[in-house]
Amino acid sequence: MTRILKKTQRLPEWLKTPLPKNKEFFKLKSLVQKYNLNTVCESASCPNIGKCWDAGTLTFMILGDSCSRACQFCDVATGNLNAPNPTEPQIIAETLSKLNLRYAVITSVDRDDLKDGGAGHWVETIKRIRIKCPEIKIETLIPDFQGNMDLVNQICEAEPDVLAHNLETVESLQSKVRPQCRYTWSLDTLRTAAKKDNLIVKSGLMLGMGEKEEEVIRSMKDLVDSGCQILSLGQYLRPSPRHLEVVEFVHPDRFLKYKKTGESLGLAHVEAGPLVRSSYLADQQARAVGLV
């Protein structure tokens, strides 16, 4: 039987992060507040917010700050769904131009309540960024749109540089971790993106939720078969007592082992480590496959 970690157990040293202190962090925080923007860095309580914002990189979250789903690992709020802000795409484009970034990451909450799942808003956001910041590279971390590949294809046709969608966990844990999703929907999303020329395809998995090593390898094979090129592997951290408990703190050496295995299976780049998240230093992940 798998042993669940006690709630009072301390984090291993490799999971402790310093407080943000760079002036760039406070500059970004000020801009986010000024324009009333949402970032997944804040909404999902990302442990890397200090490091990434200190480096001048952040991930915008569109379509509101509340999700239509209630995945058991995620700290983003659910319910209280408002209509998308029609000015948001332009505001994000203008904010990016002020930041002088070369690489932008955009993600969103799930909006199953909307007829198109928010796909039109996604397309408009990419379009506005292209007009305002023609030189910037765009990474989109999208939902599965409940398996509607026509909606996924709309975003692919808008021509982001990277299309990311996270598998999140191995197949056997899907119903427990994200009950409103399907393993096959995620693979189909990646497969649809892989059909588009010059579009880099990316995904992510969390570890420490009770998965077995052979299941992780199986998922990596499934990702390769779906056309995925970049994979991020990170430690699941429990956001609150109402979320799934951590089963295991995976040692950094095992992350390195998974990285080597994934790349030997055909993934172009595996970013693996306890604090790695899909958007963690995303520009460097893209650089590893020749994008920037």
Foldseek 3Di string as FASTA:
>chain_A
DFAFDDPPDDDPPQLDDDDADAVQLVVVVVLCVVLVWDFCCPQQVAPCSRVQSSVLATETEFQDQEACFDFQQGRGHHDPHDGGDPCVLLSVLVSCLVSVDQEYEYEYHFCLVDPLRCLVVLLSSLVNNCVSPVRHAYEYAYELNLLPVVSLVSNLVSPHQEYEYALAEFQVCCCVRGVSDHSVSRLVSLLSSLVRPNYAYEYEYEDQQPDDPVRLLVVLLSNVVSNHAEYEYEYRDHPDPSHRGGSDQDDQVVQVVSQVSSVVSPHQGYHTDHSIDRCVPVVVRCVSVPPD
